[in-house]
């Protein structure tokens, strides 16, 4: 499992986790696209924005390995702002390649691009 050195471990001042410490013995948690409803808590929205800002700062538009990035946090962005960068894509692999869809990210998180 790739450990992304320099990537923030969590959203500062909160318990919203961005990375995991070690690989699960039974394998990686499956990435699934989670629906973001309009009535989500402001703290959850800040966590999504903070995670997206960290992804853009660390990887930009380049493909990256899923590695130790938290599956729960990735799933809130997966299928929209974060998309598979390989075909076939294995959603249960720590080695799976992802990339940030900058156009969708700009639409969903305009404050990051001001």
PDB file of N, CA and C in Angstrom:
ATOM      1  N   UNK A   1       0.846  -1.173   0.000  1.00  0.00           N
ATOM      2  CA  UNK A   1       0.000   0.000   0.000  1.00  0.00           C
ATOM      3  C   UNK A   1       0.893   1.238   0.000  1.00  0.00           C
ATOM      4  N   UNK A   2       0.667   2.092  -0.970  1.00  0.00           N
ATOM      5  CA  UNK A   2       1.387   3.363  -1.084  1.00  0.00           C
ATOM      6  C   UNK A   2       0.979   4.295   0.052  1.00  0.00           C
ATOM      7  N   UNK A   3       1.968   4.803   0.784  1.00  0.00           N
ATOM      8  CA  UNK A   3       1.700   5.808   1.814  1.00  0.00           C
ATOM      9  C   UNK A   3       2.070   7.159   1.232  1.00  0.00           C
ATOM     10  N   UNK A   4       1.109   8.031   1.133  1.00  0.00           N
ATOM     11  CA  UNK A   4       1.311   9.343   0.524  1.00  0.00           C
ATOM     12  C   UNK A   4       1.935  10.293   1.542  1.00  0.00           C
ATOM     13  N   UNK A   5       3.248  10.367   1.516  1.00  0.00           N
ATOM     14  CA  UNK A   5       3.985  11.234   2.444  1.00  0.00           C
ATOM     15  C   UNK A   5       3.652  12.697   2.174  1.00  0.00           C
ATOM     16  N   UNK A   6       3.427  13.440   3.230  1.00  0.00           N
ATOM     17  CA  UNK A   6       3.119  14.857   3.102  1.00  0.00           C
ATOM     18  C   UNK A   6       1.643  15.149   2.936  1.00  0.00           C
ATOM     19  N   UNK A   7       0.822  14.114   2.737  1.00  0.00           N
ATOM     20  CA  UNK A   7      -0.625  14.320   2.611  1.00  0.00           C
ATOM     21  C   UNK A   7      -1.195  14.507   4.011  1.00  0.00           C
ATOM     22  N   UNK A   8      -2.071  15.490   4.221  1.00  0.00           N
ATOM     23  CA  UNK A   8      -2.602  15.707   5.573  1.00  0.00           C
ATOM     24  C   UNK A   8      -3.380  14.492   6.080  1.00  0.00           C
ATOM     25  N   UNK A   9      -3.205  14.179   7.348  1.00  0.00           N
ATOM     26  CA  UNK A   9      -3.867  13.030   7.949  1.00  0.00           C
ATOM     27  C   UNK A   9      -5.342  13.236   8.225  1.00  0.00           C
ATOM     28  N   UNK A  10      -5.706  14.485   8.458  1.00  0.00           N
ATOM     29  CA  UNK A  10      -7.112  14.803   8.753  1.00  0.00           C
ATOM     30  C   UNK A  10      -7.353  16.278   8.513  1.00  0.00           C
ATOM     31  N   UNK A  11      -8.618  16.669   8.545  1.00  0.00           N
ATOM     32  CA  UNK A  11      -8.975  18.079   8.438  1.00  0.00           C
ATOM     33  C   UNK A  11      -8.570  18.752   9.738  1.00  0.00           C
ATOM     34  N   UNK A  12      -7.741  19.787   9.679  1.00  0.00           N
ATOM     35  CA  UNK A  12      -7.263  20.431  10.906  1.00  0.00           C
ATOM     36  C   UNK A  12      -8.408  20.834  11.848  1.00  0.00           C
ATOM     37  N   UNK A  13      -8.223  20.516  13.126  1.00  0.00           N
ATOM     38  CA  UNK A  13      -9.193  20.882  14.152  1.00  0.00           C
ATOM     39  C   UNK A  13     -10.414  19.990  14.217  1.00  0.00           C
ATOM     40  N   UNK A  14     -10.430  18.886  13.459  1.00  0.00           N
ATOM     41  CA  UNK A  14     -11.590  17.988  13.457  1.00  0.00           C
ATOM     42  C   UNK A  14     -11.122  16.542  13.551  1.00  0.00           C
ATOM     43  N   UNK A  15     -12.091  15.636  13.589  1.00  0.00           N
ATOM     44  CA  UNK A  15     -11.801  14.204  13.561  1.00  0.00           C
ATOM     45  C   UNK A  15     -12.072  13.607  12.185  1.00  0.00           C
ATOM     46  N   UNK A  16     -12.210  14.443  11.145  1.00  0.00           N
ATOM     47  CA  UNK A  16     -12.433  13.940   9.798  1.00  0.00           C
ATOM     48  C   UNK A  16     -11.112  13.426   9.236  1.00  0.00           C
ATOM     49  N   UNK A  17     -11.027  12.115   9.088  1.00  0.00           N
ATOM     50  CA  UNK A  17      -9.810  11.424   8.688  1.00  0.00           C
ATOM     51  C   UNK A  17      -9.631  11.455   7.177  1.00  0.00           C
ATOM     52  N   UNK A  18      -8.395  11.685   6.705  1.00  0.00           N
ATOM     53  CA  UNK A  18      -8.078  11.682   5.282  1.00  0.00           C
ATOM     54  C   UNK A  18      -7.262  10.465   4.865  1.00  0.00           C
ATOM     55  N   UNK A  19      -6.469   9.896   5.786  1.00  0.00           N
ATOM     56  CA  UNK A  19      -5.635   8.732   5.471  1.00  0.00           C
ATOM     57  C   UNK A  19      -5.813   7.660   6.543  1.00  0.00           C
ATOM     58  N   UNK A  20      -5.418   6.435   6.181  1.00  0.00           N
ATOM     59  CA  UNK A  20      -5.425   5.328   7.145  1.00  0.00           C
ATOM     60  C   UNK A  20      -3.985   4.978   7.468  1.00  0.00           C
ATOM     61  N   UNK A  21      -3.782   4.352   8.610  1.00  0.00           N
ATOM     62  CA  UNK A  21      -2.419   4.020   9.039  1.00  0.00           C
ATOM     63  C   UNK A  21      -1.860   2.792   8.363  1.00  0.00           C
ATOM     64  N   UNK A  22      -2.677   1.747   8.256  1.00  0.00           N
ATOM     65  CA  UNK A  22      -2.176   0.498   7.696  1.00  0.00           C
ATOM     66  C   UNK A  22      -3.264  -0.198   6.884  1.00  0.00           C
ATOM     67  N   UNK A  23      -2.817  -1.065   6.007  1.00  0.00           N
ATOM     68  CA  UNK A  23      -3.741  -1.820   5.158  1.00  0.00           C
ATOM     69  C   UNK A  23      -4.538  -2.814   5.992  1.00  0.00           C
ATOM     70  N   UNK A  24      -5.789  -3.006   5.628  1.00  0.00           N
ATOM     71  CA  UNK A  24      -6.635  -3.990   6.298  1.00  0.00           C
ATOM     72  C   UNK A  24      -6.220  -5.388   5.856  1.00  0.00           C
ATOM     73  N   UNK A  25      -6.203  -6.331   6.786  1.00  0.00           N
ATOM     74  CA  UNK A  25      -5.793  -7.697   6.462  1.00  0.00           C
ATOM     75  C   UNK A  25      -6.728  -8.339   5.443  1.00  0.00           C
ATOM     76  N   UNK A  26      -8.000  -7.987   5.495  1.00  0.00           N
ATOM     77  CA  UNK A  26      -8.974  -8.589   4.580  1.00  0.00           C
ATOM     78  C   UNK A  26      -9.097  -7.834   3.263  1.00  0.00           C
ATOM     79  N   UNK A  27      -8.286  -6.831   3.052  1.00  0.00           N
ATOM     80  CA  UNK A  27      -8.279  -6.096   1.783  1.00  0.00           C
ATOM     81  C   UNK A  27      -8.863  -4.701   1.929  1.00  0.00           C
ATOM     82  N   UNK A  28      -8.738  -3.935   0.865  1.00  0.00           N
ATOM     83  CA  UNK A  28      -9.187  -2.541   0.872  1.00  0.00           C
ATOM     84  C   UNK A  28     -10.707  -2.448   0.867  1.00  0.00           C
ATOM     85  N   UNK A  29     -11.216  -1.446   1.540  1.00  0.00           N
ATOM     86  CA  UNK A  29     -12.649  -1.171   1.516  1.00  0.00           C
ATOM     87  C   UNK A  29     -13.034  -0.723   0.118  1.00  0.00           C
ATOM     88  N   UNK A  30     -14.147  -1.238  -0.371  1.00  0.00           N
ATOM     89  CA  UNK A  30     -14.621  -0.934  -1.722  1.00  0.00           C
ATOM     90  C   UNK A  30     -14.996   0.547  -1.846  1.00  0.00           C
ATOM     91  N   UNK A  31     -14.546   1.183  -2.920  1.00  0.00           N
ATOM     92  CA  UNK A  31     -14.944   2.562  -3.220  1.00  0.00           C
ATOM     93  C   UNK A  31     -16.301   2.536  -3.907  1.00  0.00           C
ATOM     94  N   UNK A  32     -17.232   3.312  -3.386  1.00  0.00           N
ATOM     95  CA  UNK A  32     -18.557   3.435  -3.993  1.00  0.00           C
ATOM     96  C   UNK A  32     -18.933   4.910  -4.015  1.00  0.00           C
ATOM     97  N   UNK A  33     -19.622   5.328  -5.042  1.00  0.00           N
ATOM     98  CA  UNK A  33     -20.053   6.723  -5.136  1.00  0.00           C
ATOM     99  C   UNK A  33     -21.189   6.958  -4.142  1.00  0.00           C
ATOM    100  N   UNK A  34     -20.980   7.850  -3.207  1.00  0.00           N
ATOM    101  CA  UNK A  34     -22.006   8.192  -2.217  1.00  0.00           C
ATOM    102  C   UNK A  34     -22.723   9.455  -2.669  1.00  0.00           C
ATOM    103  N   UNK A  35     -24.018   9.468  -2.469  1.00  0.00           N
ATOM    104  CA  UNK A  35     -24.823  10.625  -2.848  1.00  0.00           C
ATOM    105  C   UNK A  35     -24.630  11.743  -1.830  1.00  0.00           C
ATOM    106  N   UNK A  36     -24.308  12.939  -2.311  1.00  0.00           N
ATOM    107  CA  UNK A  36     -24.173  14.105  -1.430  1.00  0.00           C
ATOM    108  C   UNK A  36     -25.455  14.914  -1.518  1.00  0.00           C
ATOM    109  N   UNK A  37     -26.269  14.824  -0.495  1.00  0.00           N
ATOM    110  CA  UNK A  37     -27.535  15.539  -0.476  1.00  0.00           C
ATOM    111  C   UNK A  37     -27.334  16.988  -0.049  1.00  0.00           C
ATOM    112  N   UNK A  38     -28.241  17.851  -0.448  1.00  0.00           N
ATOM    113  CA  UNK A  38     -28.142  19.286  -0.168  1.00  0.00           C
ATOM    114  C   UNK A  38     -28.209  19.597   1.327  1.00  0.00           C
ATOM    115  N   UNK A  39     -28.804  18.714   2.123  1.00  0.00           N
ATOM    116  CA  UNK A  39     -28.966  18.988   3.553  1.00  0.00           C
ATOM    117  C   UNK A  39     -27.837  18.418   4.422  1.00  0.00           C
ATOM    118  N   UNK A  40     -26.678  18.120   3.809  1.00  0.00           N
ATOM    119  CA  UNK A  40     -25.547  17.630   4.600  1.00  0.00           C
ATOM    120  C   UNK A  40     -25.068  18.703   5.568  1.00  0.00           C
ATOM    121  N   UNK A  41     -24.513  18.265   6.679  1.00  0.00           N
ATOM    122  CA  UNK A  41     -24.015  19.196   7.694  1.00  0.00           C
ATOM    123  C   UNK A  41     -22.872  20.047   7.136  1.00  0.00           C
ATOM    124  N   UNK A  42     -22.766  21.294   7.579  1.00  0.00           N
ATOM    125  CA  UNK A  42     -21.672  22.164   7.132  1.00  0.00           C
ATOM    126  C   UNK A  42     -20.291  21.567   7.417  1.00  0.00           C
ATOM    127  N   UNK A  43     -20.133  20.861   8.518  1.00  0.00           N
ATOM    128  CA  UNK A  43     -18.844  20.246   8.846  1.00  0.00           C
ATOM    129  C   UNK A  43     -18.473  19.183   7.807  1.00  0.00           C
ATOM    130  N   UNK A  44     -19.455  18.416   7.355  1.00  0.00           N
ATOM    131  CA  UNK A  44     -19.202  17.407   6.321  1.00  0.00           C
ATOM    132  C   UNK A  44     -18.801  18.067   5.013  1.00  0.00           C
ATOM    133  N   UNK A  45     -19.430  19.168   4.686  1.00  0.00           N
ATOM    134  CA  UNK A  45     -19.092  19.903   3.461  1.00  0.00           C
ATOM    135  C   UNK A  45     -17.672  20.452   3.533  1.00  0.00           C
ATOM    136  N   UNK A  46     -17.288  20.977   4.712  1.00  0.00           N
ATOM    137  CA  UNK A  46     -15.917  21.471   4.894  1.00  0.00           C
ATOM    138  C   UNK A  46     -14.900  20.346   4.751  1.00  0.00           C
ATOM    139  N   UNK A  47     -15.251  19.161   5.265  1.00  0.00           N
ATOM    140  CA  UNK A  47     -14.350  18.007   5.143  1.00  0.00           C
ATOM    141  C   UNK A  47     -14.175  17.623   3.678  1.00  0.00           C
ATOM    142  N   UNK A  48     -15.248  17.611   2.907  1.00  0.00           N
ATOM    143  CA  UNK A  48     -15.141  17.312   1.471  1.00  0.00           C
ATOM    144  C   UNK A  48     -14.263  18.340   0.775  1.00  0.00           C
ATOM    145  N   UNK A  49     -14.478  19.609   1.082  1.00  0.00           N
ATOM    146  CA  UNK A  49     -13.701  20.679   0.450  1.00  0.00           C
ATOM    147  C   UNK A  49     -12.224  20.603   0.858  1.00  0.00           C
ATOM    148  N   UNK A  50     -11.968  20.331   2.131  1.00  0.00           N
ATOM    149  CA  UNK A  50     -10.592  20.200   2.602  1.00  0.00           C
ATOM    150  C   UNK A  50      -9.872  19.022   1.970  1.00  0.00           C
ATOM    151  N   UNK A  51     -10.585  17.904   1.825  1.00  0.00           N
ATOM    152  CA  UNK A  51      -9.995  16.722   1.199  1.00  0.00           C
ATOM    153  C   UNK A  51      -9.711  16.989  -0.276  1.00  0.00           C
ATOM    154  N   UNK A  52     -10.649  17.638  -0.962  1.00  0.00           N
ATOM    155  CA  UNK A  52     -10.443  17.966  -2.377  1.00  0.00           C
ATOM    156  C   UNK A  52      -9.265  18.920  -2.537  1.00  0.00           C
ATOM    157  N   UNK A  53      -9.158  19.906  -1.653  1.00  0.00           N
ATOM    158  CA  UNK A  53      -8.029  20.845  -1.713  1.00  0.00           C
ATOM    159  C   UNK A  53      -6.702  20.105  -1.527  1.00  0.00           C
ATOM    160  N   UNK A  54      -6.673  19.132  -0.606  1.00  0.00           N
ATOM    161  CA  UNK A  54      -5.455  18.351  -0.374  1.00  0.00           C
ATOM    162  C   UNK A  54      -5.118  17.489  -1.594  1.00  0.00           C
ATOM    163  N   UNK A  55      -6.126  16.885  -2.217  1.00  0.00           N
ATOM    164  CA  UNK A  55      -5.885  16.078  -3.418  1.00  0.00           C
ATOM    165  C   UNK A  55      -5.304  16.929  -4.543  1.00  0.00           C
ATOM    166  N   UNK A  56      -5.880  18.106  -4.753  1.00  0.00           N
ATOM    167  CA  UNK A  56      -5.406  18.984  -5.823  1.00  0.00           C
ATOM    168  C   UNK A  56      -3.995  19.473  -5.527  1.00  0.00           C
ATOM    169  N   UNK A  57      -3.736  19.856  -4.287  1.00  0.00           N
ATOM    170  CA  UNK A  57      -2.409  20.356  -3.923  1.00  0.00           C
ATOM    171  C   UNK A  57      -1.349  19.258  -4.049  1.00  0.00           C
ATOM    172  N   UNK A  58      -1.710  18.041  -3.691  1.00  0.00           N
ATOM    173  CA  UNK A  58      -0.740  16.945  -3.668  1.00  0.00           C
ATOM    174  C   UNK A  58      -0.539  16.293  -5.033  1.00  0.00           C
ATOM    175  N   UNK A  59      -1.647  16.124  -5.806  1.00  0.00           N
ATOM    176  CA  UNK A  59      -1.575  15.367  -7.057  1.00  0.00           C
ATOM    177  C   UNK A  59      -1.890  16.189  -8.311  1.00  0.00           C
ATOM    178  N   UNK A  60      -2.643  17.266  -8.172  1.00  0.00           N
ATOM    179  CA  UNK A  60      -3.054  18.021  -9.351  1.00  0.00           C
ATOM    180  C   UNK A  60      -3.935  17.162 -10.238  1.00  0.00           C
ATOM    181  N   UNK A  61      -3.669  17.184 -11.541  1.00  0.00           N
ATOM    182  CA  UNK A  61      -4.455  16.391 -12.499  1.00  0.00           C
ATOM    183  C   UNK A  61      -3.810  15.042 -12.803  1.00  0.00           C
ATOM    184  N   UNK A  62      -2.665  14.764 -12.209  1.00  0.00           N
ATOM    185  CA  UNK A  62      -1.938  13.525 -12.479  1.00  0.00           C
ATOM    186  C   UNK A  62      -2.624  12.329 -11.821  1.00  0.00           C
ATOM    187  N   UNK A  63      -2.590  11.152 -12.462  1.00  0.00           N
ATOM    188  CA  UNK A  63      -3.112   9.940 -11.827  1.00  0.00           C
ATOM    189  C   UNK A  63      -2.327   9.615 -10.552  1.00  0.00           C
ATOM    190  N   UNK A  64      -3.015   9.053  -9.577  1.00  0.00           N
ATOM    191  CA  UNK A  64      -2.381   8.685  -8.311  1.00  0.00           C
ATOM    192  C   UNK A  64      -2.946   7.375  -7.810  1.00  0.00           C
ATOM    193  N   UNK A  65      -2.131   6.650  -7.036  1.00  0.00           N
ATOM    194  CA  UNK A  65      -2.595   5.411  -6.410  1.00  0.00           C
ATOM    195  C   UNK A  65      -3.495   5.735  -5.243  1.00  0.00           C
ATOM    196  N   UNK A  66      -4.497   4.892  -5.048  1.00  0.00           N
ATOM    197  CA  UNK A  66      -5.392   5.060  -3.902  1.00  0.00           C
ATOM    198  C   UNK A  66      -4.601   4.967  -2.601  1.00  0.00           C
ATOM    199  N   UNK A  67      -3.736   3.982  -2.491  1.00  0.00           N
ATOM    200  CA  UNK A  67      -2.857   3.842  -1.332  1.00  0.00           C
ATOM    201  C   UNK A  67      -3.557   3.967   0.002  1.00  0.00           C
ATOM    202  N   UNK A  68      -3.030   4.840   0.858  1.00  0.00           N
ATOM    203  CA  UNK A  68      -3.562   4.956   2.219  1.00  0.00           C
ATOM    204  C   UNK A  68      -4.639   6.041   2.354  1.00  0.00           C
ATOM    205  N   UNK A  69      -5.189   6.511   1.244  1.00  0.00           N
ATOM    206  CA  UNK A  69      -6.274   7.491   1.324  1.00  0.00           C
ATOM    207  C   UNK A  69      -7.533   6.809   1.844  1.00  0.00           C
ATOM    208  N   UNK A  70      -8.248   7.478   2.723  1.00  0.00           N
ATOM    209  CA  UNK A  70      -9.419   6.911   3.387  1.00  0.00           C
ATOM    210  C   UNK A  70     -10.545   6.634   2.392  1.00  0.00           C
ATOM    211  N   UNK A  71     -11.036   5.398   2.383  1.00  0.00           N
ATOM    212  CA  UNK A  71     -12.085   4.993   1.444  1.00  0.00           C
ATOM    213  C   UNK A  71     -13.389   5.744   1.682  1.00  0.00           C
ATOM    214  N   UNK A  72     -13.730   5.984   2.928  1.00  0.00           N
ATOM    215  CA  UNK A  72     -14.964   6.718   3.220  1.00  0.00           C
ATOM    216  C   UNK A  72     -14.926   8.128   2.679  1.00  0.00           C
ATOM    217  N   UNK A  73     -13.820   8.812   2.891  1.00  0.00           N
ATOM    218  CA  UNK A  73     -13.677  10.193   2.403  1.00  0.00           C
ATOM    219  C   UNK A  73     -13.621  10.216   0.887  1.00  0.00           C
ATOM    220  N   UNK A  74     -12.901   9.253   0.273  1.00  0.00           N
ATOM    221  CA  UNK A  74     -12.842   9.174  -1.192  1.00  0.00           C
ATOM    222  C   UNK A  74     -14.215   8.896  -1.793  1.00  0.00           C
ATOM    223  N   UNK A  75     -15.012   8.073  -1.115  1.00  0.00           N
ATOM    224  CA  UNK A  75     -16.318   7.700  -1.658  1.00  0.00           C
ATOM    225  C   UNK A  75     -17.265   8.886  -1.789  1.00  0.00           C
ATOM    226  N   UNK A  76     -17.089   9.918  -0.958  1.00  0.00           N
ATOM    227  CA  UNK A  76     -17.943  11.107  -1.097  1.00  0.00           C
ATOM    228  C   UNK A  76     -17.637  11.866  -2.377  1.00  0.00           C
ATOM    229  N   UNK A  77     -16.445  11.674  -2.951  1.00  0.00           N
ATOM    230  CA  UNK A  77     -16.034  12.370  -4.175  1.00  0.00           C
ATOM    231  C   UNK A  77     -15.977  11.441  -5.384  1.00  0.00           C
ATOM    232  N   UNK A  78     -15.944  10.127  -5.139  1.00  0.00           N
ATOM    233  CA  UNK A  78     -15.745   9.131  -6.194  1.00  0.00           C
ATOM    234  C   UNK A  78     -16.900   9.140  -7.207  1.00  0.00           C
ATOM    235  N   UNK A  79     -16.528   9.080  -8.476  1.00  0.00           N
ATOM    236  CA  UNK A  79     -17.527   9.061  -9.535  1.00  0.00           C
ATOM    237  C   UNK A  79     -17.912  10.443 -10.024  1.00  0.00           C
ATOM    238  N   UNK A  80     -17.481  11.464  -9.313  1.00  0.00           N
ATOM    239  CA  UNK A  80     -17.744  12.847  -9.712  1.00  0.00           C
ATOM    240  C   UNK A  80     -16.423  13.579  -9.852  1.00  0.00           C
ATOM    241  N   UNK A  81     -15.886  14.088  -8.746  1.00  0.00           N
ATOM    242  CA  UNK A  81     -14.634  14.849  -8.789  1.00  0.00           C
ATOM    243  C   UNK A  81     -13.395  13.955  -8.833  1.00  0.00           C
ATOM    244  N   UNK A  82     -13.507  12.749  -8.310  1.00  0.00           N
ATOM    245  CA  UNK A  82     -12.419  11.763  -8.364  1.00  0.00           C
ATOM    246  C   UNK A  82     -12.912  10.587  -9.191  1.00  0.00           C
ATOM    247  N   UNK A  83     -12.188  10.289 -10.270  1.00  0.00           N
ATOM    248  CA  UNK A  83     -12.619   9.248 -11.210  1.00  0.00           C
ATOM    249  C   UNK A  83     -11.504   8.229 -11.413  1.00  0.00           C
ATOM    250  N   UNK A  84     -11.858   7.024 -11.868  1.00  0.00           N
ATOM    251  CA  UNK A  84     -10.832   6.021 -12.167  1.00  0.00           C
ATOM    252  C   UNK A  84      -9.899   6.513 -13.275  1.00  0.00           C
ATOM    253  N   UNK A  85      -8.629   6.186 -13.159  1.00  0.00           N
ATOM    254  CA  UNK A  85      -7.642   6.582 -14.162  1.00  0.00           C
ATOM    255  C   UNK A  85      -7.147   5.374 -14.940  1.00  0.00           C
ATOM    256  N   UNK A  86      -7.802   4.232 -14.777  1.00  0.00           N
ATOM    257  CA  UNK A  86      -7.405   3.018 -15.490  1.00  0.00           C
ATOM    258  C   UNK A  86      -8.645   2.202 -15.816  1.00  0.00           C
ATOM    259  N   UNK A  87      -8.483   1.362 -16.823  1.00  0.00           N
ATOM    260  CA  UNK A  87      -9.568   0.484 -17.225  1.00  0.00           C
ATOM    261  C   UNK A  87      -8.967  -0.885 -17.485  1.00  0.00           C
ATOM    262  N   UNK A  88      -9.349  -1.937 -16.823  1.00  0.00           N
ATOM    263  CA  UNK A  88     -10.405  -2.011 -15.827  1.00  0.00           C
ATOM    264  C   UNK A  88      -9.968  -1.430 -14.479  1.00  0.00           C
ATOM    265  N   UNK A  89     -10.938  -0.967 -13.730  1.00  0.00           N
ATOM    266  CA  UNK A  89     -10.697  -0.356 -12.423  1.00  0.00           C
ATOM    267  C   UNK A  89     -11.148  -1.317 -11.334  1.00  0.00           C
ATOM    268  N   UNK A  90     -10.291  -1.534 -10.344  1.00  0.00           N
ATOM    269  CA  UNK A  90     -10.639  -2.402  -9.214  1.00  0.00           C
ATOM    270  C   UNK A  90     -10.922  -1.524  -7.997  1.00  0.00           C
ATOM    271  N   UNK A  91     -12.199  -1.373  -7.610  1.00  0.00           N
ATOM    272  CA  UNK A  91     -12.537  -0.503  -6.483  1.00  0.00           C
ATOM    273  C   UNK A  91     -12.115  -1.056  -5.121  1.00  0.00           C
ATOM    274  N   UNK A  92     -11.584  -2.270  -5.088  1.00  0.00           N
ATOM    275  CA  UNK A  92     -11.163  -2.886  -3.831  1.00  0.00           C
ATOM    276  C   UNK A  92      -9.655  -3.084  -3.770  1.00  0.00           C
ATOM    277  N   UNK A  93      -8.897  -2.258  -4.506  1.00  0.00           N
ATOM    278  CA  UNK A  93      -7.447  -2.392  -4.539  1.00  0.00           C
ATOM    279  C   UNK A  93      -6.773  -1.118  -4.037  1.00  0.00           C
ATOM    280  N   UNK A  94      -5.755  -1.307  -3.192  1.00  0.00           N
ATOM    281  CA  UNK A  94      -4.963  -0.165  -2.745  1.00  0.00           C
ATOM    282  C   UNK A  94      -4.104   0.386  -3.889  1.00  0.00           C
ATOM    283  N   UNK A  95      -3.885  -0.426  -4.928  1.00  0.00           N
ATOM    284  CA  UNK A  95      -3.048  -0.026  -6.061  1.00  0.00           C
ATOM    285  C   UNK A  95      -3.843   0.635  -7.186  1.00  0.00           C
ATOM    286  N   UNK A  96      -5.160   0.745  -7.046  1.00  0.00           N
ATOM    287  CA  UNK A  96      -6.006   1.327  -8.087  1.00  0.00           C
ATOM    288  C   UNK A  96      -5.589   2.772  -8.365  1.00  0.00           C
ATOM    289  N   UNK A  97      -5.598   3.146  -9.642  1.00  0.00           N
ATOM    290  CA  UNK A  97      -5.238   4.506 -10.033  1.00  0.00           C
ATOM    291  C   UNK A  97      -6.483   5.380 -10.164  1.00  0.00           C
ATOM    292  N   UNK A  98      -6.393   6.567  -9.576  1.00  0.00           N
ATOM    293  CA  UNK A  98      -7.474   7.554  -9.615  1.00  0.00           C
ATOM    294  C   UNK A  98      -6.909   8.860 -10.153  1.00  0.00           C
ATOM    295  N   UNK A  99      -7.791   9.784 -10.491  1.00  0.00           N
ATOM    296  CA  UNK A  99      -7.354  11.129 -10.864  1.00  0.00           C
ATOM    297  C   UNK A  99      -8.474  12.102 -10.519  1.00  0.00           C
ATOM    298  N   UNK A 100      -8.090  13.361 -10.347  1.00  0.00           N
ATOM    299  CA  UNK A 100      -9.059  14.421 -10.066  1.00  0.00           C
ATOM    300  C   UNK A 100      -9.573  14.947 -11.396  1.00  0.00           C
ATOM    301  N   UNK A 101     -10.902  14.985 -11.551  1.00  0.00           N
ATOM    302  CA  UNK A 101     -11.527  15.605 -12.716  1.00  0.00           C
ATOM    303  C   UNK A 101     -11.642  17.093 -12.391  1.00  0.00           C
ATOM    304  N   UNK A 102     -10.686  17.871 -12.881  1.00  0.00           N
ATOM    305  CA  UNK A 102     -10.599  19.285 -12.510  1.00  0.00           C
ATOM    306  C   UNK A 102     -11.841  20.078 -12.909  1.00  0.00           C
ATOM    307  N   UNK A 103     -12.414  19.760 -14.043  1.00  0.00           N
ATOM    308  CA  UNK A 103     -13.615  20.490 -14.470  1.00  0.00           C
ATOM    309  C   UNK A 103     -14.762  20.301 -13.473  1.00  0.00           C
ATOM    310  N   UNK A 104     -14.976  19.068 -13.052  1.00  0.00           N
ATOM    311  CA  UNK A 104     -16.033  18.791 -12.063  1.00  0.00           C
ATOM    312  C   UNK A 104     -15.675  19.392 -10.704  1.00  0.00           C
ATOM    313  N   UNK A 105     -14.393  19.342 -10.350  1.00  0.00           N
ATOM    314  CA  UNK A 105     -13.957  19.911  -9.074  1.00  0.00           C
ATOM    315  C   UNK A 105     -14.201  21.414  -9.052  1.00  0.00           C
ATOM    316  N   UNK A 106     -13.922  22.095 -10.161  1.00  0.00           N
ATOM    317  CA  UNK A 106     -14.160  23.541 -10.227  1.00  0.00           C
ATOM    318  C   UNK A 106     -15.635  23.876 -10.089  1.00  0.00           C
ATOM    319  N   UNK A 107     -16.483  23.029 -10.646  1.00  0.00           N
ATOM    320  CA  UNK A 107     -17.930  23.245 -10.550  1.00  0.00           C
ATOM    321  C   UNK A 107     -18.428  22.991  -9.128  1.00  0.00           C
ATOM    322  N   UNK A 108     -17.953  21.921  -8.508  1.00  0.00           N
ATOM    323  CA  UNK A 108     -18.438  21.529  -7.173  1.00  0.00           C
ATOM    324  C   UNK A 108     -17.812  22.355  -6.041  1.00  0.00           C
ATOM    325  N   UNK A 109     -16.562  22.773  -6.214  1.00  0.00           N
ATOM    326  CA  UNK A 109     -15.833  23.489  -5.167  1.00  0.00           C
ATOM    327  C   UNK A 109     -15.221  24.773  -5.743  1.00  0.00           C
ATOM    328  N   UNK A 110     -16.055  25.732  -6.148  1.00  0.00           N
ATOM    329  CA  UNK A 110     -15.524  26.941  -6.797  1.00  0.00           C
ATOM    330  C   UNK A 110     -14.614  27.770  -5.892  1.00  0.00           C
ATOM    331  N   UNK A 111     -14.806  27.707  -4.577  1.00  0.00           N
ATOM    332  CA  UNK A 111     -13.978  28.493  -3.655  1.00  0.00           C
ATOM    333  C   UNK A 111     -12.504  28.065  -3.699  1.00  0.00           C
ATOM    334  N   UNK A 112     -12.229  26.848  -4.115  1.00  0.00           N
ATOM    335  CA  UNK A 112     -10.847  26.362  -4.190  1.00  0.00           C
ATOM    336  C   UNK A 112     -10.077  26.984  -5.341  1.00  0.00           C
ATOM    337  N   UNK A 113     -10.783  27.557  -6.293  1.00  0.00           N
ATOM    338  CA  UNK A 113     -10.145  28.050  -7.516  1.00  0.00           C
ATOM    339  C   UNK A 113     -10.205  29.573  -7.666  1.00  0.00           C
ATOM    340  N   UNK A 114     -10.523  30.256  -6.595  1.00  0.00           N
ATOM    341  CA  UNK A 114     -10.594  31.724  -6.656  1.00  0.00           C
ATOM    342  C   UNK A 114      -9.247  32.344  -6.490  1.00  0.00           C
TER     343      UNK A 114
END
